[in-house]
Amino acid sequence: METLSGILLIAALIVGAVLILKILTKPIRLVFKLLLNAAFGFVLLFLVNFFGDPVGIYISVNFINALVAGFLGVPGVILLVLLKFLF
C-alpha cells in the first residue's frame, strides 16, 4: 500500500508541475507577442519617415506616436499615416 501512495504522490506532482508550466507560459507568450509587435511598429515608423520624407510624409517621433506604434504595431503606424493625410 505504501508504494501505491508513493506512485500517486509522484503522479500528482507531475500533473501539478505540468499545470503550473501551462499557466506560466501564456503570459510569457503574451509579453513576447507584444514586444514583437512593438518592434515591428517602431521599425515601420522609422521606415515610413525615411522613405516618406522625400515625398512629404513625415510622422514626428514623440511620446504619443511611439505609444501608438508600440501598442498597435503595424496597424498603429498605418493609422498614424492615415491621420497625417486627414489632418
N, C-alpha and C. Protein backbone atom coordinates (compact mmCIF):
# COMPACT_ATOMS: atom_id res chain seq x y z
N MET A 1 0.81 -1.18 0.00
CA MET A 1 0.00 0.00 0.00
C MET A 1 0.86 1.25 0.00
N GLU A 2 2.04 1.18 0.57
CA GLU A 2 2.91 2.34 0.64
C GLU A 2 3.46 2.71 -0.74
N THR A 3 3.72 1.74 -1.60
CA THR A 3 4.23 2.04 -2.94
C THR A 3 3.14 2.69 -3.79
N LEU A 4 1.89 2.29 -3.58
CA LEU A 4 0.80 2.89 -4.33
C LEU A 4 0.64 4.37 -3.98
N SER A 5 0.75 4.71 -2.72
CA SER A 5 0.63 6.11 -2.33
C SER A 5 1.84 6.91 -2.82
N GLY A 6 3.01 6.29 -2.88
CA GLY A 6 4.19 6.95 -3.44
C GLY A 6 4.03 7.24 -4.92
N ILE A 7 3.50 6.27 -5.63
CA ILE A 7 3.26 6.44 -7.07
C ILE A 7 2.22 7.53 -7.30
N LEU A 8 1.15 7.54 -6.50
CA LEU A 8 0.12 8.57 -6.64
C LEU A 8 0.68 9.95 -6.31
N LEU A 9 1.56 10.04 -5.33
CA LEU A 9 2.18 11.31 -4.98
C LEU A 9 3.05 11.82 -6.13
N ILE A 10 3.84 10.94 -6.72
CA ILE A 10 4.69 11.33 -7.85
C ILE A 10 3.84 11.75 -9.04
N ALA A 11 2.75 11.02 -9.31
CA ALA A 11 1.85 11.38 -10.41
C ALA A 11 1.20 12.73 -10.17
N ALA A 12 0.79 13.00 -8.92
CA ALA A 12 0.18 14.28 -8.59
C ALA A 12 1.18 15.41 -8.74
N LEU A 13 2.43 15.19 -8.36
CA LEU A 13 3.47 16.20 -8.52
C LEU A 13 3.74 16.50 -10.00
N ILE A 14 3.76 15.47 -10.81
CA ILE A 14 3.99 15.66 -12.25
C ILE A 14 2.83 16.43 -12.88
N VAL A 15 1.61 16.06 -12.55
CA VAL A 15 0.44 16.75 -13.08
C VAL A 15 0.43 18.21 -12.61
N GLY A 16 0.75 18.44 -11.36
CA GLY A 16 0.82 19.81 -10.84
C GLY A 16 1.88 20.63 -11.54
N ALA A 17 3.05 20.05 -11.78
CA ALA A 17 4.13 20.76 -12.47
C ALA A 17 3.72 21.11 -13.90
N VAL A 18 3.07 20.19 -14.57
CA VAL A 18 2.62 20.45 -15.95
C VAL A 18 1.58 21.58 -15.97
N LEU A 19 0.66 21.56 -15.01
CA LEU A 19 -0.35 22.62 -14.95
C LEU A 19 0.28 23.98 -14.66
N ILE A 20 1.24 24.02 -13.76
CA ILE A 20 1.90 25.28 -13.45
C ILE A 20 2.66 25.80 -14.66
N LEU A 21 3.32 24.92 -15.39
CA LEU A 21 4.04 25.35 -16.60
C LEU A 21 3.09 25.87 -17.66
N LYS A 22 1.94 25.22 -17.81
CA LYS A 22 0.96 25.71 -18.79
C LYS A 22 0.42 27.08 -18.40
N ILE A 23 0.20 27.29 -17.12
CA ILE A 23 -0.32 28.58 -16.65
C ILE A 23 0.72 29.68 -16.84
N LEU A 24 1.98 29.38 -16.61
CA LEU A 24 3.03 30.40 -16.70
C LEU A 24 3.46 30.70 -18.13
N THR A 25 3.27 29.79 -19.07
CA THR A 25 3.71 30.06 -20.44
C THR A 25 2.79 31.01 -21.18
N LYS A 26 1.53 31.10 -20.82
CA LYS A 26 0.61 32.03 -21.50
C LYS A 26 1.04 33.48 -21.34
N PRO A 27 1.34 33.97 -20.11
CA PRO A 27 1.79 35.36 -20.00
C PRO A 27 3.12 35.62 -20.71
N ILE A 28 4.00 34.64 -20.72
CA ILE A 28 5.27 34.81 -21.41
C ILE A 28 5.05 34.96 -22.91
N ARG A 29 4.14 34.17 -23.46
CA ARG A 29 3.81 34.30 -24.88
C ARG A 29 3.20 35.66 -25.18
N LEU A 30 2.34 36.14 -24.29
CA LEU A 30 1.70 37.44 -24.49
C LEU A 30 2.74 38.56 -24.47
N VAL A 31 3.66 38.52 -23.53
CA VAL A 31 4.71 39.53 -23.45
C VAL A 31 5.59 39.47 -24.69
N PHE A 32 5.95 38.27 -25.14
CA PHE A 32 6.77 38.12 -26.34
C PHE A 32 6.04 38.66 -27.57
N LYS A 33 4.74 38.39 -27.66
CA LYS A 33 3.96 38.89 -28.79
C LYS A 33 3.88 40.41 -28.78
N LEU A 34 3.69 41.01 -27.60
CA LEU A 34 3.63 42.46 -27.50
C LEU A 34 4.97 43.10 -27.86
N LEU A 35 6.07 42.50 -27.40
CA LEU A 35 7.40 43.03 -27.74
C LEU A 35 7.68 42.93 -29.23
N LEU A 36 7.29 41.82 -29.84
CA LEU A 36 7.48 41.65 -31.27
C LEU A 36 6.64 42.64 -32.05
N ASN A 37 5.40 42.85 -31.62
CA ASN A 37 4.51 43.80 -32.26
C ASN A 37 5.06 45.22 -32.15
N ALA A 38 5.59 45.56 -30.98
CA ALA A 38 6.17 46.89 -30.77
C ALA A 38 7.41 47.09 -31.64
N ALA A 39 8.22 46.06 -31.77
CA ALA A 39 9.43 46.17 -32.60
C ALA A 39 9.06 46.40 -34.06
N PHE A 40 8.08 45.65 -34.56
CA PHE A 40 7.64 45.86 -35.95
C PHE A 40 7.06 47.26 -36.14
N GLY A 41 6.31 47.74 -35.15
CA GLY A 41 5.73 49.08 -35.25
C GLY A 41 6.79 50.16 -35.29
N PHE A 42 7.81 50.07 -34.44
CA PHE A 42 8.87 51.08 -34.43
C PHE A 42 9.70 51.04 -35.70
N VAL A 43 10.00 49.84 -36.19
CA VAL A 43 10.77 49.72 -37.43
C VAL A 43 9.97 50.32 -38.58
N LEU A 44 8.69 50.02 -38.64
CA LEU A 44 7.86 50.56 -39.71
C LEU A 44 7.72 52.08 -39.59
N LEU A 45 7.64 52.60 -38.38
CA LEU A 45 7.56 54.04 -38.18
C LEU A 45 8.81 54.73 -38.73
N PHE A 46 9.97 54.19 -38.44
CA PHE A 46 11.20 54.78 -38.96
C PHE A 46 11.34 54.58 -40.47
N LEU A 47 10.84 53.46 -41.01
CA LEU A 47 10.88 53.27 -42.46
C LEU A 47 9.96 54.26 -43.16
N VAL A 48 8.78 54.50 -42.58
CA VAL A 48 7.87 55.49 -43.16
C VAL A 48 8.52 56.86 -43.15
N ASN A 49 9.19 57.21 -42.08
CA ASN A 49 9.87 58.50 -42.01
C ASN A 49 11.04 58.59 -42.99
N PHE A 50 11.77 57.50 -43.14
CA PHE A 50 12.94 57.51 -44.02
C PHE A 50 12.54 57.62 -45.49
N PHE A 51 11.57 56.79 -45.90
CA PHE A 51 11.17 56.78 -47.30
C PHE A 51 10.08 57.80 -47.62
N GLY A 52 9.33 58.22 -46.61
CA GLY A 52 8.25 59.17 -46.85
C GLY A 52 8.67 60.61 -46.78
N ASP A 53 9.81 60.90 -46.18
CA ASP A 53 10.26 62.28 -46.03
C ASP A 53 10.48 62.97 -47.38
N PRO A 54 11.05 62.30 -48.38
CA PRO A 54 11.22 62.98 -49.67
C PRO A 54 9.90 63.34 -50.36
N VAL A 55 8.83 62.62 -50.07
CA VAL A 55 7.54 62.91 -50.71
C VAL A 55 6.60 63.67 -49.79
N GLY A 56 7.07 64.08 -48.62
CA GLY A 56 6.27 64.91 -47.75
C GLY A 56 5.52 64.18 -46.66
N ILE A 57 5.77 62.91 -46.47
CA ILE A 57 5.12 62.16 -45.40
C ILE A 57 6.14 61.98 -44.28
N TYR A 58 5.93 62.69 -43.20
CA TYR A 58 6.83 62.57 -42.06
C TYR A 58 5.99 62.54 -40.79
N ILE A 59 6.17 61.52 -40.00
CA ILE A 59 5.46 61.39 -38.74
C ILE A 59 6.47 61.63 -37.63
N SER A 60 6.26 62.69 -36.87
CA SER A 60 7.22 63.01 -35.82
C SER A 60 7.22 61.90 -34.76
N VAL A 61 8.39 61.59 -34.26
CA VAL A 61 8.52 60.55 -33.24
C VAL A 61 8.44 61.24 -31.88
N ASN A 62 7.25 61.20 -31.29
CA ASN A 62 7.05 61.74 -29.96
C ASN A 62 6.43 60.66 -29.08
N PHE A 63 6.10 61.01 -27.86
CA PHE A 63 5.63 60.02 -26.91
C PHE A 63 4.33 59.36 -27.36
N ILE A 64 3.38 60.14 -27.83
CA ILE A 64 2.07 59.60 -28.23
C ILE A 64 2.23 58.70 -29.46
N ASN A 65 2.95 59.17 -30.47
CA ASN A 65 3.14 58.35 -31.67
C ASN A 65 3.93 57.08 -31.36
N ALA A 66 4.88 57.15 -30.44
CA ALA A 66 5.64 55.96 -30.05
C ALA A 66 4.74 54.96 -29.33
N LEU A 67 3.83 55.47 -28.49
CA LEU A 67 2.89 54.56 -27.83
C LEU A 67 1.94 53.89 -28.82
N VAL A 68 1.44 54.66 -29.78
CA VAL A 68 0.53 54.08 -30.78
C VAL A 68 1.27 53.03 -31.61
N ALA A 69 2.48 53.34 -32.05
CA ALA A 69 3.25 52.38 -32.84
C ALA A 69 3.66 51.19 -32.00
N GLY A 70 3.94 51.41 -30.72
CA GLY A 70 4.36 50.32 -29.85
C GLY A 70 3.25 49.36 -29.49
N PHE A 71 2.09 49.90 -29.14
CA PHE A 71 0.99 49.03 -28.73
C PHE A 71 0.26 48.40 -29.91
N LEU A 72 0.04 49.16 -30.95
CA LEU A 72 -0.73 48.64 -32.08
C LEU A 72 0.12 48.02 -33.17
N GLY A 73 1.40 48.34 -33.20
CA GLY A 73 2.29 47.76 -34.20
C GLY A 73 2.04 48.33 -35.58
N VAL A 74 2.00 47.45 -36.56
CA VAL A 74 1.83 47.85 -37.96
C VAL A 74 0.50 48.58 -38.17
N PRO A 75 -0.64 48.09 -37.65
CA PRO A 75 -1.88 48.86 -37.82
C PRO A 75 -1.81 50.25 -37.19
N GLY A 76 -1.05 50.40 -36.11
CA GLY A 76 -0.89 51.70 -35.49
C GLY A 76 -0.15 52.68 -36.38
N VAL A 77 0.87 52.22 -37.06
CA VAL A 77 1.62 53.09 -37.98
C VAL A 77 0.75 53.44 -39.17
N ILE A 78 -0.02 52.50 -39.67
CA ILE A 78 -0.95 52.79 -40.76
C ILE A 78 -1.98 53.83 -40.31
N LEU A 79 -2.46 53.71 -39.07
CA LEU A 79 -3.38 54.70 -38.52
C LEU A 79 -2.73 56.08 -38.44
N LEU A 80 -1.49 56.12 -38.01
CA LEU A 80 -0.78 57.41 -37.94
C LEU A 80 -0.61 58.04 -39.32
N VAL A 81 -0.31 57.23 -40.33
CA VAL A 81 -0.17 57.75 -41.70
C VAL A 81 -1.52 58.26 -42.20
N LEU A 82 -2.59 57.52 -41.94
CA LEU A 82 -3.91 57.98 -42.37
C LEU A 82 -4.30 59.27 -41.66
N LEU A 83 -4.00 59.38 -40.37
CA LEU A 83 -4.30 60.61 -39.65
C LEU A 83 -3.46 61.77 -40.18
N LYS A 84 -2.25 61.50 -40.62
CA LYS A 84 -1.41 62.54 -41.20
C LYS A 84 -2.03 63.08 -42.49
N PHE A 85 -2.60 62.16 -43.29
CA PHE A 85 -3.24 62.60 -44.54
C PHE A 85 -4.53 63.37 -44.27
N LEU A 86 -5.28 62.97 -43.24
CA LEU A 86 -6.56 63.61 -42.96
C LEU A 86 -6.41 64.98 -42.32
N PHE A 87 -5.40 65.15 -41.49
CA PHE A 87 -5.27 66.42 -40.76
C PHE A 87 -4.03 67.12 -41.17
